[in-house]
Amino acid sequence: MLERIKDSVTEAWDATARFLREVRGEIRKVTWPQKKEIIGSTVVVIVSVGIMAIFLGLVDLVLQNLLTYVIKK
């Protein structure tokens, strides 16, 4: 019984070590973005969020006024 537990712990340790070696190998293959690319992407996200916020704010305002008009009538 003790031998089986020891074997399963050893197998789990070996599998974990193999996984971490493979992760390190894959991380070395990654091409990380340059600072210029990160700044450009960040600007695109900020501008997109701003445009969507303005759009949704306008839609909310129009629907609010429309609903107020319908309720008063």
N, C-alpha and C. Protein backbone atom coordinates (compact mmCIF):
# COMPACT_ATOMS: atom_id res chain seq x y z
N MET A 1 0.83 -1.20 0.00
CA MET A 1 0.00 0.00 0.00
C MET A 1 0.87 1.26 0.00
N LEU A 2 1.87 1.26 0.87
CA LEU A 2 2.77 2.40 0.96
C LEU A 2 3.55 2.58 -0.33
N GLU A 3 3.88 1.47 -0.96
CA GLU A 3 4.62 1.52 -2.23
C GLU A 3 3.78 2.18 -3.34
N ARG A 4 2.46 1.88 -3.35
CA ARG A 4 1.58 2.48 -4.35
C ARG A 4 1.48 3.98 -4.17
N ILE A 5 1.38 4.42 -2.93
CA ILE A 5 1.30 5.85 -2.64
C ILE A 5 2.59 6.53 -3.08
N LYS A 6 3.72 5.89 -2.78
CA LYS A 6 5.02 6.43 -3.16
C LYS A 6 5.13 6.54 -4.68
N ASP A 7 4.66 5.52 -5.39
CA ASP A 7 4.70 5.54 -6.86
C ASP A 7 3.82 6.64 -7.43
N SER A 8 2.63 6.82 -6.87
CA SER A 8 1.73 7.85 -7.40
C SER A 8 2.27 9.25 -7.12
N VAL A 9 2.91 9.44 -5.96
CA VAL A 9 3.51 10.73 -5.65
C VAL A 9 4.67 10.99 -6.60
N THR A 10 5.48 9.98 -6.86
CA THR A 10 6.61 10.11 -7.79
C THR A 10 6.11 10.43 -9.20
N GLU A 11 5.06 9.75 -9.64
CA GLU A 11 4.49 10.02 -10.96
C GLU A 11 3.95 11.44 -11.05
N ALA A 12 3.27 11.89 -10.01
CA ALA A 12 2.73 13.24 -10.00
C ALA A 12 3.86 14.27 -10.04
N TRP A 13 4.92 14.03 -9.29
CA TRP A 13 6.07 14.94 -9.28
C TRP A 13 6.73 14.98 -10.66
N ASP A 14 6.91 13.81 -11.27
CA ASP A 14 7.52 13.74 -12.61
C ASP A 14 6.66 14.47 -13.64
N ALA A 15 5.35 14.28 -13.55
CA ALA A 15 4.45 14.94 -14.50
C ALA A 15 4.49 16.46 -14.31
N THR A 16 4.55 16.91 -13.08
CA THR A 16 4.63 18.35 -12.81
C THR A 16 5.93 18.93 -13.34
N ALA A 17 7.03 18.24 -13.09
CA ALA A 17 8.34 18.71 -13.57
C ALA A 17 8.37 18.76 -15.09
N ARG A 18 7.81 17.73 -15.75
CA ARG A 18 7.76 17.71 -17.21
C ARG A 18 6.92 18.87 -17.75
N PHE A 19 5.78 19.10 -17.10
CA PHE A 19 4.91 20.21 -17.50
C PHE A 19 5.65 21.54 -17.40
N LEU A 20 6.35 21.77 -16.30
CA LEU A 20 7.07 23.03 -16.12
C LEU A 20 8.20 23.19 -17.13
N ARG A 21 8.88 22.10 -17.48
CA ARG A 21 9.93 22.17 -18.52
C ARG A 21 9.31 22.54 -19.87
N GLU A 22 8.16 21.96 -20.18
CA GLU A 22 7.48 22.27 -21.44
C GLU A 22 6.99 23.72 -21.46
N VAL A 23 6.50 24.21 -20.33
CA VAL A 23 6.06 25.60 -20.24
C VAL A 23 7.24 26.53 -20.50
N ARG A 24 8.38 26.25 -19.89
CA ARG A 24 9.56 27.09 -20.09
C ARG A 24 9.96 27.09 -21.57
N GLY A 25 9.90 25.93 -22.21
CA GLY A 25 10.23 25.85 -23.63
C GLY A 25 9.28 26.66 -24.50
N GLU A 26 8.00 26.62 -24.17
CA GLU A 26 7.01 27.38 -24.94
C GLU A 26 7.15 28.88 -24.71
N ILE A 27 7.42 29.28 -23.47
CA ILE A 27 7.59 30.70 -23.16
C ILE A 27 8.77 31.28 -23.94
N ARG A 28 9.81 30.49 -24.14
CA ARG A 28 10.97 30.97 -24.90
C ARG A 28 10.64 31.19 -26.37
N LYS A 29 9.61 30.53 -26.88
CA LYS A 29 9.21 30.68 -28.28
C LYS A 29 8.34 31.92 -28.52
N VAL A 30 7.80 32.49 -27.44
CA VAL A 30 6.86 33.61 -27.56
C VAL A 30 7.59 34.85 -28.07
N THR A 31 6.95 35.53 -29.01
CA THR A 31 7.46 36.82 -29.48
C THR A 31 6.70 37.91 -28.73
N TRP A 32 7.39 38.59 -27.84
CA TRP A 32 6.76 39.60 -27.01
C TRP A 32 6.65 40.90 -27.79
N PRO A 33 5.55 41.65 -27.62
CA PRO A 33 5.37 42.90 -28.37
C PRO A 33 6.36 43.97 -27.90
N GLN A 34 6.69 44.86 -28.83
CA GLN A 34 7.58 45.97 -28.51
C GLN A 34 6.78 47.07 -27.82
N LYS A 35 7.48 48.00 -27.19
CA LYS A 35 6.83 49.08 -26.46
C LYS A 35 5.93 49.90 -27.38
N LYS A 36 6.37 50.14 -28.61
CA LYS A 36 5.58 50.93 -29.57
C LYS A 36 4.25 50.23 -29.88
N GLU A 37 4.28 48.91 -30.04
CA GLU A 37 3.06 48.15 -30.31
C GLU A 37 2.10 48.20 -29.13
N ILE A 38 2.64 48.11 -27.94
CA ILE A 38 1.80 48.15 -26.73
C ILE A 38 1.12 49.51 -26.60
N ILE A 39 1.89 50.57 -26.83
CA ILE A 39 1.32 51.92 -26.74
C ILE A 39 0.24 52.11 -27.80
N GLY A 40 0.50 51.66 -29.02
CA GLY A 40 -0.50 51.78 -30.09
C GLY A 40 -1.77 51.03 -29.77
N SER A 41 -1.65 49.81 -29.26
CA SER A 41 -2.82 49.01 -28.91
C SER A 41 -3.59 49.67 -27.76
N THR A 42 -2.87 50.21 -26.80
CA THR A 42 -3.53 50.87 -25.67
C THR A 42 -4.32 52.09 -26.13
N VAL A 43 -3.74 52.85 -27.03
CA VAL A 43 -4.45 54.03 -27.56
C VAL A 43 -5.71 53.60 -28.29
N VAL A 44 -5.63 52.54 -29.09
CA VAL A 44 -6.80 52.06 -29.81
C VAL A 44 -7.89 51.64 -28.83
N VAL A 45 -7.53 50.94 -27.77
CA VAL A 45 -8.52 50.50 -26.79
C VAL A 45 -9.16 51.70 -26.09
N ILE A 46 -8.35 52.66 -25.68
CA ILE A 46 -8.89 53.83 -24.97
C ILE A 46 -9.82 54.63 -25.87
N VAL A 47 -9.44 54.84 -27.12
CA VAL A 47 -10.30 55.57 -28.06
C VAL A 47 -11.59 54.80 -28.32
N SER A 48 -11.49 53.50 -28.51
CA SER A 48 -12.69 52.68 -28.75
C SER A 48 -13.65 52.74 -27.57
N VAL A 49 -13.10 52.64 -26.36
CA VAL A 49 -13.95 52.71 -25.17
C VAL A 49 -14.60 54.08 -25.06
N GLY A 50 -13.87 55.13 -25.38
CA GLY A 50 -14.44 56.48 -25.35
C GLY A 50 -15.57 56.63 -26.34
N ILE A 51 -15.37 56.15 -27.56
CA ILE A 51 -16.42 56.23 -28.59
C ILE A 51 -17.66 55.45 -28.16
N MET A 52 -17.46 54.24 -27.63
CA MET A 52 -18.60 53.44 -27.19
C MET A 52 -19.32 54.10 -26.01
N ALA A 53 -18.58 54.72 -25.10
CA ALA A 53 -19.20 55.40 -23.96
C ALA A 53 -20.06 56.55 -24.43
N ILE A 54 -19.56 57.34 -25.38
CA ILE A 54 -20.34 58.45 -25.92
C ILE A 54 -21.58 57.93 -26.64
N PHE A 55 -21.42 56.91 -27.45
CA PHE A 55 -22.55 56.32 -28.18
C PHE A 55 -23.62 55.81 -27.22
N LEU A 56 -23.20 55.02 -26.24
CA LEU A 56 -24.18 54.47 -25.30
C LEU A 56 -24.81 55.57 -24.45
N GLY A 57 -24.06 56.60 -24.12
CA GLY A 57 -24.62 57.73 -23.38
C GLY A 57 -25.70 58.43 -24.19
N LEU A 58 -25.44 58.64 -25.49
CA LEU A 58 -26.44 59.27 -26.36
C LEU A 58 -27.67 58.39 -26.52
N VAL A 59 -27.48 57.10 -26.71
CA VAL A 59 -28.62 56.19 -26.83
C VAL A 59 -29.44 56.22 -25.55
N ASP A 60 -28.77 56.19 -24.41
CA ASP A 60 -29.47 56.25 -23.12
C ASP A 60 -30.26 57.54 -22.99
N LEU A 61 -29.66 58.64 -23.37
CA LEU A 61 -30.34 59.94 -23.29
C LEU A 61 -31.58 59.97 -24.19
N VAL A 62 -31.44 59.48 -25.42
CA VAL A 62 -32.58 59.45 -26.35
C VAL A 62 -33.69 58.55 -25.81
N LEU A 63 -33.35 57.37 -25.34
CA LEU A 63 -34.37 56.46 -24.82
C LEU A 63 -35.02 57.01 -23.56
N GLN A 64 -34.24 57.66 -22.73
CA GLN A 64 -34.80 58.27 -21.52
C GLN A 64 -35.81 59.35 -21.88
N ASN A 65 -35.48 60.21 -22.82
CA ASN A 65 -36.40 61.27 -23.24
C ASN A 65 -37.64 60.68 -23.93
N LEU A 66 -37.44 59.65 -24.72
CA LEU A 66 -38.56 58.99 -25.41
C LEU A 66 -39.49 58.36 -24.40
N LEU A 67 -38.95 57.69 -23.41
CA LEU A 67 -39.78 57.06 -22.38
C LEU A 67 -40.50 58.10 -21.55
N THR A 68 -39.84 59.19 -21.23
CA THR A 68 -40.49 60.28 -20.49
C THR A 68 -41.65 60.86 -21.29
N TYR A 69 -41.45 61.02 -22.59
CA TYR A 69 -42.49 61.55 -23.47
C TYR A 69 -43.67 60.59 -23.51
N VAL A 70 -43.41 59.29 -23.62
CA VAL A 70 -44.50 58.30 -23.71
C VAL A 70 -45.26 58.23 -22.40
N ILE A 71 -44.59 58.29 -21.29
CA ILE A 71 -45.25 58.20 -19.98
C ILE A 71 -46.11 59.42 -19.72
N LYS A 72 -45.64 60.62 -20.10
CA LYS A 72 -46.42 61.86 -19.87
C LYS A 72 -47.66 61.91 -20.72
N LYS A 73 -47.63 61.29 -21.87
CA LYS A 73 -48.76 61.35 -22.77
C LYS A 73 -49.82 60.41 -22.39
